Amino acid sequence: MNKDLTENMDWEGPEGPFERFVVGRKMSKKLNKDWTFETFVVGKENEVAVKLAKQIARCRSKDKAFYICGSESGLGVSHLLQSIAWQILRRHPSKEVIYKDIENYENQYYDSLSDQTSEEFLEYLGNNVFCLVLDGLSILTKKALRQKHVLYVIEKRLRHGLLTLIGGCYTPETIERLDKNLLNIIKGFPVAEIHPPGFDLRLAILWKLQERYGINFNDNILTLLAREIKDIRLLQSAMFRLKLALDVYPDIPSDKMARDILTEKCYK
């Protein structure tokens, strides 16, 4: 990676500052510095997916295309995809890795039409990038043109043997109106599916969050949150909501505040 592209950047990832520039413009969404294998909490519900993800990150598999999904939204698919991207960059710092959500990918394609680089945009993604991560397959629902462009890029990358990762909230078969050709290609990929977390994994996630952000709730509070909230995103939201509320109202007992928060509509 060319040093002069990053020496003035104001943020860093696990191995230092990171961003990729392609065809004279910024093409890759910034990776979240907190979304690495080290911060991904592993349990029986996701251990198979994590094992495959780490194999992908070592770039030793004969397969060059993979699909990582959850059985519902908010299970950590984007976290796992970005963990792979970070690990590849650590092992192969000179290689180009591009992570893009599919919505942003399509918007950039339309932007490229105005300066007549649309063909260059698709050809570059299809022929040159060492690892391309496209997140959010479910966004393609009822979007025929987007599906056509994604299919075009994937087919090119498969012909060239380039590493391609697709992520989505659901299995491909459950995505409405997905192009049959695109569906058939993705169905042929090795699939890593993340399942909804049970109580033990939800509790472990809360412990990890406490450690990362310096929060100090007692075991009863963590157990209450893990028992009552099944969705990981809502679980994290409730924890930070409780921390903020207790900072504002320190005289209110934490267990009472936690129960009050759990009565809010979004957590039911």
Foldseek 3Di string as FASTA:
>chain_A
DDVVVFPPDDDAAPVGDDFDADPNHGAADDQDNCLAPVLDQDDPQAPQVLVVLVVVLVVPDPDQEEEEEEAAPQQCQSSSLSNSVVSNCVVPVVAAEGEDELVVLVVVLVVCVVVVCNVVSLCCLQPPHQEYEYEAPLVCAVPVVSLVSVLSSVVSNVVVSHHYYYYHHNQLVPRHPRDPVSNVVNVPHHYRYGYFDALVSQLVSVVSVCVVPVNDDDPVLSSVLSVQARRNVVSVVLVVVLVVVCVVVVPDDSVVSSVVSCVDPVRD
